[in-house]
Amino acid sequence: MPDGAVVTLPADPVNATRALNILAGIEWIQLKPGTNPLSVSERDVSSNPKHLKLVPIDTAQAPRSLSDADLAAIQGNFAVASGLRLTDALKLEDMTQPYVNVVAVKRGNENAPFAKDIVQAYQSSEFQTVFQSNPAWAGYRLPDYFSK
């Protein structure tokens, strides 16, 4: 990455945290120790040896920012909806809790027939086959129960 590269990152704190952690993980920036993940922003960068210009933007606009930026942090759903392939990413996030999506129902409904039907369908081999056969979804972090 050239010095002074323009990097767009989500303006909302949760996704900004995710983007900044990816940049920190590849050692392009460092975050201040004790940074609060609920209020993180580009101002929490303590070291920026590549002199990246961090530009916060609306999360949904990240794919469009690629024409004006050197690099963009783009959430998977926005990337796929824009025709981008996750497997072409410079770096995919090491998806961990609490960022893995879950199917949830209101407490007390976990044993309701509709909830059991959703779990059964979502965890079925048929769903896994359909999901894994679509190249647009390659690179997504899959649930632990998915067949390997």
N, C-alpha and C. Protein backbone atom coordinates (compact mmCIF):
# COMPACT_ATOMS: atom_id res chain seq x y z
N MET A 1 0.85 -1.17 0.00
CA MET A 1 0.00 0.00 0.00
C MET A 1 0.91 1.24 0.00
N PRO A 2 0.66 2.15 -0.93
CA PRO A 2 1.50 3.35 -0.98
C PRO A 2 1.25 4.27 0.20
N ASP A 3 2.29 4.97 0.62
CA ASP A 3 2.11 5.97 1.68
C ASP A 3 1.05 6.97 1.24
N GLY A 4 0.21 7.36 2.18
CA GLY A 4 -0.81 8.36 1.92
C GLY A 4 -2.03 7.84 1.20
N ALA A 5 -2.19 6.53 1.10
CA ALA A 5 -3.34 5.94 0.42
C ALA A 5 -4.63 6.35 1.13
N VAL A 6 -5.68 6.54 0.34
CA VAL A 6 -7.00 6.88 0.87
C VAL A 6 -7.73 5.58 1.18
N VAL A 7 -8.18 5.46 2.43
CA VAL A 7 -8.89 4.27 2.89
C VAL A 7 -10.24 4.71 3.43
N THR A 8 -11.33 4.23 2.81
CA THR A 8 -12.65 4.53 3.36
C THR A 8 -13.01 3.44 4.36
N LEU A 9 -13.62 3.87 5.44
CA LEU A 9 -14.06 2.93 6.46
C LEU A 9 -15.41 3.35 6.98
N PRO A 10 -16.18 2.39 7.48
CA PRO A 10 -17.53 2.70 7.94
C PRO A 10 -17.53 3.78 9.03
N ALA A 11 -18.53 4.63 8.97
CA ALA A 11 -18.65 5.71 9.95
C ALA A 11 -19.30 5.24 11.25
N ASP A 12 -20.01 4.12 11.21
CA ASP A 12 -20.65 3.65 12.45
C ASP A 12 -19.62 2.93 13.32
N PRO A 13 -19.71 3.09 14.63
CA PRO A 13 -18.67 2.58 15.54
C PRO A 13 -18.40 1.08 15.45
N VAL A 14 -19.43 0.25 15.35
CA VAL A 14 -19.20 -1.19 15.33
C VAL A 14 -18.40 -1.60 14.11
N ASN A 15 -18.82 -1.13 12.93
CA ASN A 15 -18.11 -1.52 11.72
C ASN A 15 -16.79 -0.78 11.57
N ALA A 16 -16.68 0.42 12.12
CA ALA A 16 -15.38 1.10 12.14
C ALA A 16 -14.38 0.31 12.98
N THR A 17 -14.85 -0.21 14.11
CA THR A 17 -13.99 -1.05 14.96
C THR A 17 -13.49 -2.25 14.17
N ARG A 18 -14.39 -2.90 13.46
CA ARG A 18 -14.01 -4.07 12.68
C ARG A 18 -12.97 -3.69 11.62
N ALA A 19 -13.20 -2.60 10.90
CA ALA A 19 -12.27 -2.18 9.85
C ALA A 19 -10.92 -1.78 10.43
N LEU A 20 -10.93 -1.00 11.50
CA LEU A 20 -9.68 -0.57 12.11
C LEU A 20 -8.90 -1.76 12.69
N ASN A 21 -9.62 -2.73 13.22
CA ASN A 21 -8.94 -3.93 13.74
C ASN A 21 -8.28 -4.73 12.62
N ILE A 22 -8.89 -4.76 11.45
CA ILE A 22 -8.27 -5.44 10.31
C ILE A 22 -6.98 -4.70 9.93
N LEU A 23 -7.06 -3.37 9.84
CA LEU A 23 -5.85 -2.59 9.50
C LEU A 23 -4.77 -2.75 10.56
N ALA A 24 -5.19 -2.81 11.82
CA ALA A 24 -4.21 -3.02 12.90
C ALA A 24 -3.63 -4.43 12.81
N GLY A 25 -4.45 -5.40 12.44
CA GLY A 25 -3.99 -6.78 12.34
C GLY A 25 -2.95 -6.99 11.26
N ILE A 26 -2.99 -6.18 10.21
CA ILE A 26 -1.96 -6.28 9.17
C ILE A 26 -0.86 -5.24 9.38
N GLU A 27 -0.92 -4.60 10.55
CA GLU A 27 0.12 -3.68 11.03
C GLU A 27 0.28 -2.43 10.17
N TRP A 28 -0.83 -1.96 9.59
CA TRP A 28 -0.80 -0.70 8.85
C TRP A 28 -1.10 0.47 9.77
N ILE A 29 -1.77 0.19 10.90
CA ILE A 29 -2.05 1.20 11.93
C ILE A 29 -1.92 0.52 13.29
N GLN A 30 -1.94 1.34 14.34
CA GLN A 30 -2.07 0.84 15.70
C GLN A 30 -3.17 1.66 16.36
N LEU A 31 -3.96 0.99 17.20
CA LEU A 31 -5.01 1.67 17.94
C LEU A 31 -4.52 1.98 19.35
N LYS A 32 -5.06 3.05 19.91
CA LYS A 32 -4.73 3.41 21.30
C LYS A 32 -5.14 2.26 22.21
N PRO A 33 -4.32 1.92 23.19
CA PRO A 33 -4.70 0.88 24.15
C PRO A 33 -6.00 1.27 24.86
N GLY A 34 -6.86 0.29 25.08
CA GLY A 34 -8.10 0.54 25.80
C GLY A 34 -9.16 1.25 24.99
N THR A 35 -9.02 1.25 23.66
CA THR A 35 -10.02 1.90 22.81
C THR A 35 -11.38 1.27 23.04
N ASN A 36 -12.39 2.10 23.25
CA ASN A 36 -13.75 1.63 23.50
C ASN A 36 -14.39 1.23 22.17
N PRO A 37 -14.74 -0.05 21.98
CA PRO A 37 -15.30 -0.49 20.70
C PRO A 37 -16.66 0.12 20.38
N LEU A 38 -17.32 0.71 21.37
CA LEU A 38 -18.62 1.34 21.11
C LEU A 38 -18.50 2.78 20.62
N SER A 39 -17.30 3.32 20.68
CA SER A 39 -17.15 4.71 20.25
C SER A 39 -15.87 4.93 19.44
N VAL A 40 -15.32 3.87 18.87
CA VAL A 40 -14.06 3.98 18.14
C VAL A 40 -14.26 4.79 16.85
N SER A 41 -13.21 5.49 16.48
CA SER A 41 -13.20 6.21 15.21
C SER A 41 -11.76 6.32 14.74
N GLU A 42 -11.57 6.94 13.61
CA GLU A 42 -10.22 7.12 13.08
C GLU A 42 -9.35 7.95 14.03
N ARG A 43 -9.96 8.67 14.96
CA ARG A 43 -9.21 9.46 15.95
C ARG A 43 -8.54 8.57 17.01
N ASP A 44 -8.91 7.30 17.04
CA ASP A 44 -8.32 6.37 18.00
C ASP A 44 -7.08 5.68 17.47
N VAL A 45 -6.61 6.09 16.32
CA VAL A 45 -5.38 5.53 15.75
C VAL A 45 -4.20 6.20 16.42
N SER A 46 -3.33 5.40 17.03
CA SER A 46 -2.17 5.97 17.73
C SER A 46 -0.93 6.01 16.85
N SER A 47 -0.89 5.15 15.85
CA SER A 47 0.25 5.11 14.94
C SER A 47 -0.25 4.79 13.54
N ASN A 48 0.26 5.53 12.57
CA ASN A 48 -0.16 5.37 11.18
C ASN A 48 1.08 5.46 10.29
N PRO A 49 1.97 4.43 10.36
CA PRO A 49 3.26 4.51 9.68
C PRO A 49 3.15 4.64 8.16
N LYS A 50 2.04 4.22 7.57
CA LYS A 50 1.87 4.34 6.12
C LYS A 50 1.17 5.64 5.74
N HIS A 51 0.86 6.46 6.75
CA HIS A 51 0.20 7.76 6.53
C HIS A 51 -1.10 7.60 5.75
N LEU A 52 -1.85 6.56 6.10
CA LEU A 52 -3.12 6.32 5.44
C LEU A 52 -4.07 7.47 5.75
N LYS A 53 -4.82 7.89 4.76
CA LYS A 53 -5.86 8.90 4.97
C LYS A 53 -7.15 8.13 5.20
N LEU A 54 -7.60 8.09 6.46
CA LEU A 54 -8.78 7.33 6.84
C LEU A 54 -10.01 8.22 6.71
N VAL A 55 -10.92 7.81 5.83
CA VAL A 55 -12.10 8.63 5.53
C VAL A 55 -13.36 7.86 5.91
N PRO A 56 -14.04 8.27 6.99
CA PRO A 56 -15.28 7.58 7.36
C PRO A 56 -16.40 7.94 6.39
N ILE A 57 -17.15 6.92 6.00
CA ILE A 57 -18.29 7.12 5.09
C ILE A 57 -19.45 6.25 5.56
N ASP A 58 -20.62 6.50 5.03
CA ASP A 58 -21.77 5.65 5.29
C ASP A 58 -21.45 4.23 4.85
N THR A 59 -21.72 3.26 5.69
CA THR A 59 -21.34 1.88 5.44
C THR A 59 -21.84 1.37 4.09
N ALA A 60 -23.07 1.71 3.74
CA ALA A 60 -23.64 1.22 2.48
C ALA A 60 -22.96 1.83 1.26
N GLN A 61 -22.25 2.94 1.43
CA GLN A 61 -21.59 3.60 0.30
C GLN A 61 -20.18 3.07 0.03
N ALA A 62 -19.70 2.17 0.87
CA ALA A 62 -18.33 1.68 0.74
C ALA A 62 -18.01 1.10 -0.64
N PRO A 63 -18.87 0.25 -1.24
CA PRO A 63 -18.53 -0.26 -2.57
C PRO A 63 -18.36 0.85 -3.61
N ARG A 64 -19.18 1.86 -3.53
CA ARG A 64 -19.08 2.98 -4.48
C ARG A 64 -17.83 3.81 -4.26
N SER A 65 -17.28 3.75 -3.06
CA SER A 65 -16.10 4.57 -2.76
C SER A 65 -14.85 4.04 -3.43
N LEU A 66 -14.89 2.80 -3.90
CA LEU A 66 -13.70 2.20 -4.51
C LEU A 66 -13.18 2.98 -5.70
N SER A 67 -14.06 3.68 -6.41
CA SER A 67 -13.59 4.44 -7.57
C SER A 67 -12.83 5.70 -7.15
N ASP A 68 -13.01 6.13 -5.89
CA ASP A 68 -12.35 7.35 -5.41
C ASP A 68 -11.31 7.08 -4.33
N ALA A 69 -11.16 5.83 -3.92
CA ALA A 69 -10.25 5.50 -2.83
C ALA A 69 -9.28 4.42 -3.29
N ASP A 70 -8.21 4.27 -2.54
CA ASP A 70 -7.25 3.21 -2.82
C ASP A 70 -7.68 1.89 -2.20
N LEU A 71 -8.45 1.98 -1.12
CA LEU A 71 -8.88 0.81 -0.37
C LEU A 71 -10.17 1.16 0.35
N ALA A 72 -11.05 0.18 0.49
CA ALA A 72 -12.30 0.41 1.22
C ALA A 72 -12.58 -0.80 2.10
N ALA A 73 -13.04 -0.55 3.30
CA ALA A 73 -13.51 -1.60 4.19
C ALA A 73 -14.99 -1.77 3.91
N ILE A 74 -15.36 -2.94 3.38
CA ILE A 74 -16.73 -3.17 2.92
C ILE A 74 -17.28 -4.40 3.61
N GLN A 75 -18.46 -4.26 4.21
CA GLN A 75 -19.14 -5.40 4.82
C GLN A 75 -19.52 -6.39 3.73
N GLY A 76 -19.52 -7.67 4.08
CA GLY A 76 -19.80 -8.73 3.11
C GLY A 76 -21.11 -8.57 2.37
N ASN A 77 -22.18 -8.23 3.07
CA ASN A 77 -23.47 -8.12 2.39
C ASN A 77 -23.45 -6.99 1.36
N PHE A 78 -22.79 -5.88 1.65
CA PHE A 78 -22.71 -4.78 0.68
C PHE A 78 -21.77 -5.14 -0.47
N ALA A 79 -20.72 -5.88 -0.18
CA ALA A 79 -19.79 -6.30 -1.23
C ALA A 79 -20.50 -7.21 -2.22
N VAL A 80 -21.17 -8.24 -1.71
CA VAL A 80 -21.84 -9.20 -2.57
C VAL A 80 -22.96 -8.52 -3.36
N ALA A 81 -23.73 -7.66 -2.72
CA ALA A 81 -24.82 -6.95 -3.42
C ALA A 81 -24.29 -6.06 -4.53
N SER A 82 -23.04 -5.64 -4.42
CA SER A 82 -22.43 -4.77 -5.44
C SER A 82 -21.66 -5.54 -6.49
N GLY A 83 -21.71 -6.86 -6.41
CA GLY A 83 -21.03 -7.68 -7.40
C GLY A 83 -19.56 -7.94 -7.10
N LEU A 84 -19.10 -7.56 -5.93
CA LEU A 84 -17.72 -7.84 -5.54
C LEU A 84 -17.62 -9.25 -4.97
N ARG A 85 -16.49 -9.88 -5.14
CA ARG A 85 -16.27 -11.22 -4.59
C ARG A 85 -15.42 -11.10 -3.33
N LEU A 86 -15.90 -11.71 -2.26
CA LEU A 86 -15.16 -11.65 -1.00
C LEU A 86 -13.78 -12.25 -1.14
N THR A 87 -13.65 -13.27 -1.97
CA THR A 87 -12.37 -13.93 -2.14
C THR A 87 -11.34 -13.06 -2.87
N ASP A 88 -11.78 -11.93 -3.42
CA ASP A 88 -10.85 -10.98 -4.04
C ASP A 88 -10.35 -9.93 -3.06
N ALA A 89 -10.82 -9.99 -1.83
CA ALA A 89 -10.45 -8.99 -0.83
C ALA A 89 -8.97 -9.07 -0.50
N LEU A 90 -8.40 -7.92 -0.20
CA LEU A 90 -7.01 -7.88 0.26
C LEU A 90 -6.87 -8.68 1.55
N LYS A 91 -7.86 -8.52 2.44
CA LYS A 91 -7.85 -9.22 3.72
C LYS A 91 -9.28 -9.41 4.16
N LEU A 92 -9.66 -10.65 4.46
CA LEU A 92 -10.97 -10.92 5.03
C LEU A 92 -10.86 -10.87 6.55
N GLU A 93 -11.90 -10.40 7.17
CA GLU A 93 -11.93 -10.35 8.63
C GLU A 93 -11.93 -11.75 9.21
N ASP A 94 -11.18 -11.94 10.29
CA ASP A 94 -11.22 -13.18 11.04
C ASP A 94 -12.46 -13.08 11.91
N MET A 95 -13.57 -13.49 11.35
CA MET A 95 -14.89 -13.29 11.97
C MET A 95 -14.99 -14.05 13.29
N THR A 96 -15.23 -13.31 14.35
CA THR A 96 -15.37 -13.89 15.68
C THR A 96 -16.63 -13.33 16.32
N GLN A 97 -17.01 -13.90 17.45
CA GLN A 97 -18.11 -13.32 18.22
C GLN A 97 -17.70 -11.93 18.64
N PRO A 98 -18.51 -10.93 18.68
CA PRO A 98 -19.95 -10.97 18.49
C PRO A 98 -20.39 -10.65 17.06
N TYR A 99 -19.50 -10.76 16.09
CA TYR A 99 -19.83 -10.32 14.74
C TYR A 99 -20.41 -11.40 13.84
N VAL A 100 -20.45 -12.65 14.29
CA VAL A 100 -21.05 -13.71 13.51
C VAL A 100 -22.56 -13.60 13.67
N ASN A 101 -23.27 -13.63 12.55
CA ASN A 101 -24.73 -13.54 12.61
C ASN A 101 -25.33 -14.81 13.19
N VAL A 102 -26.41 -14.63 13.90
CA VAL A 102 -27.13 -15.75 14.49
C VAL A 102 -28.61 -15.59 14.17
N VAL A 103 -29.31 -16.70 14.19
CA VAL A 103 -30.77 -16.67 14.08
C VAL A 103 -31.30 -16.68 15.50
N ALA A 104 -32.12 -15.71 15.83
CA ALA A 104 -32.62 -15.60 17.21
C ALA A 104 -34.13 -15.43 17.22
N VAL A 105 -34.75 -15.92 18.26
CA VAL A 105 -36.18 -15.74 18.48
C VAL A 105 -36.39 -15.19 19.88
N LYS A 106 -37.53 -14.63 20.08
CA LYS A 106 -37.89 -14.08 21.39
C LYS A 106 -37.84 -15.19 22.44
N ARG A 107 -37.26 -14.85 23.59
CA ARG A 107 -37.17 -15.82 24.70
C ARG A 107 -38.57 -16.39 24.98
N GLY A 108 -38.61 -17.68 25.13
CA GLY A 108 -39.89 -18.35 25.34
C GLY A 108 -40.41 -19.01 24.06
N ASN A 109 -39.89 -18.56 22.91
CA ASN A 109 -40.31 -19.16 21.63
C ASN A 109 -39.31 -20.16 21.08
N GLU A 110 -38.24 -20.42 21.83
CA GLU A 110 -37.19 -21.28 21.28
C GLU A 110 -37.66 -22.70 20.99
N ASN A 111 -38.73 -23.16 21.63
CA ASN A 111 -39.26 -24.51 21.36
C ASN A 111 -40.53 -24.48 20.54
N ALA A 112 -40.92 -23.31 20.05
CA ALA A 112 -42.10 -23.20 19.20
C ALA A 112 -41.83 -23.90 17.87
N PRO A 113 -42.86 -24.50 17.28
CA PRO A 113 -42.66 -25.21 16.01
C PRO A 113 -41.98 -24.36 14.93
N PHE A 114 -42.37 -23.08 14.80
CA PHE A 114 -41.77 -22.24 13.75
C PHE A 114 -40.27 -22.05 13.99
N ALA A 115 -39.87 -21.92 15.25
CA ALA A 115 -38.45 -21.74 15.57
C ALA A 115 -37.67 -23.01 15.27
N LYS A 116 -38.22 -24.14 15.63
CA LYS A 116 -37.56 -25.41 15.34
C LYS A 116 -37.46 -25.64 13.84
N ASP A 117 -38.50 -25.23 13.09
CA ASP A 117 -38.47 -25.37 11.63
C ASP A 117 -37.37 -24.51 11.01
N ILE A 118 -37.18 -23.30 11.52
CA ILE A 118 -36.13 -22.41 11.00
C ILE A 118 -34.76 -23.02 11.26
N VAL A 119 -34.54 -23.50 12.48
CA VAL A 119 -33.25 -24.12 12.81
C VAL A 119 -33.01 -25.34 11.93
N GLN A 120 -34.02 -26.17 11.79
CA GLN A 120 -33.87 -27.39 10.98
C GLN A 120 -33.53 -27.03 9.53
N ALA A 121 -34.22 -26.04 8.97
CA ALA A 121 -33.96 -25.64 7.58
C ALA A 121 -32.57 -25.03 7.44
N TYR A 122 -32.21 -24.17 8.36
CA TYR A 122 -30.92 -23.48 8.28
C TYR A 122 -29.76 -24.43 8.45
N GLN A 123 -29.93 -25.47 9.25
CA GLN A 123 -28.86 -26.41 9.49
C GLN A 123 -28.92 -27.64 8.57
N SER A 124 -29.86 -27.64 7.64
CA SER A 124 -30.01 -28.80 6.76
C SER A 124 -28.88 -28.89 5.74
N SER A 125 -28.61 -30.10 5.30
CA SER A 125 -27.59 -30.30 4.27
C SER A 125 -28.02 -29.63 2.96
N GLU A 126 -29.32 -29.57 2.70
CA GLU A 126 -29.81 -28.91 1.49
C GLU A 126 -29.46 -27.42 1.49
N PHE A 127 -29.66 -26.75 2.63
CA PHE A 127 -29.31 -25.33 2.73
C PHE A 127 -27.81 -25.15 2.56
N GLN A 128 -27.04 -26.00 3.20
CA GLN A 128 -25.59 -25.91 3.10
C GLN A 128 -25.13 -26.09 1.66
N THR A 129 -25.73 -27.04 0.95
CA THR A 129 -25.37 -27.27 -0.45
C THR A 129 -25.69 -26.05 -1.31
N VAL A 130 -26.87 -25.49 -1.13
CA VAL A 130 -27.26 -24.30 -1.90
C VAL A 130 -26.33 -23.14 -1.58
N PHE A 131 -26.06 -22.92 -0.32
CA PHE A 131 -25.19 -21.82 0.08
C PHE A 131 -23.79 -21.99 -0.49
N GLN A 132 -23.23 -23.15 -0.31
CA GLN A 132 -21.85 -23.38 -0.73
C GLN A 132 -21.69 -23.49 -2.25
N SER A 133 -22.78 -23.70 -2.97
CA SER A 133 -22.69 -23.79 -4.43
C SER A 133 -22.78 -22.43 -5.11
N ASN A 134 -23.11 -21.39 -4.36
CA ASN A 134 -23.22 -20.05 -4.94
C ASN A 134 -21.89 -19.33 -4.79
N PRO A 135 -21.18 -19.09 -5.91
CA PRO A 135 -19.86 -18.45 -5.81
C PRO A 135 -19.90 -17.05 -5.20
N ALA A 136 -21.04 -16.39 -5.24
CA ALA A 136 -21.14 -15.04 -4.66
C ALA A 136 -20.90 -15.07 -3.15
N TRP A 137 -21.16 -16.19 -2.52
CA TRP A 137 -21.03 -16.27 -1.07
C TRP A 137 -19.70 -16.87 -0.62
N ALA A 138 -18.83 -17.19 -1.54
CA ALA A 138 -17.52 -17.72 -1.17
C ALA A 138 -16.77 -16.69 -0.33
N GLY A 139 -16.18 -17.13 0.75
CA GLY A 139 -15.44 -16.23 1.64
C GLY A 139 -16.20 -15.85 2.89
N TYR A 140 -17.51 -16.10 2.93
CA TYR A 140 -18.27 -15.81 4.15
C TYR A 140 -17.83 -16.75 5.26
N ARG A 141 -17.83 -16.25 6.47
CA ARG A 141 -17.56 -17.08 7.66
C ARG A 141 -18.77 -17.95 7.85
N LEU A 142 -18.58 -19.26 7.81
CA LEU A 142 -19.69 -20.19 7.95
C LEU A 142 -19.82 -20.66 9.39
N PRO A 143 -21.04 -21.00 9.79
CA PRO A 143 -21.24 -21.50 11.15
C PRO A 143 -20.44 -22.78 11.36
N ASP A 144 -20.09 -23.04 12.61
CA ASP A 144 -19.27 -24.20 12.94
C ASP A 144 -19.91 -25.52 12.54
N TYR A 145 -21.26 -25.58 12.49
CA TYR A 145 -21.92 -26.83 12.18
C TYR A 145 -21.94 -27.14 10.68
N PHE A 146 -21.55 -26.18 9.82
CA PHE A 146 -21.52 -26.46 8.39
C PHE A 146 -20.53 -27.57 8.11
N SER A 147 -20.88 -28.42 7.18
CA SER A 147 -19.99 -29.52 6.79
C SER A 147 -18.69 -28.95 6.26
N LYS A 148 -17.63 -29.62 6.52
CA LYS A 148 -16.31 -29.20 6.02
C LYS A 148 -16.01 -29.92 4.74
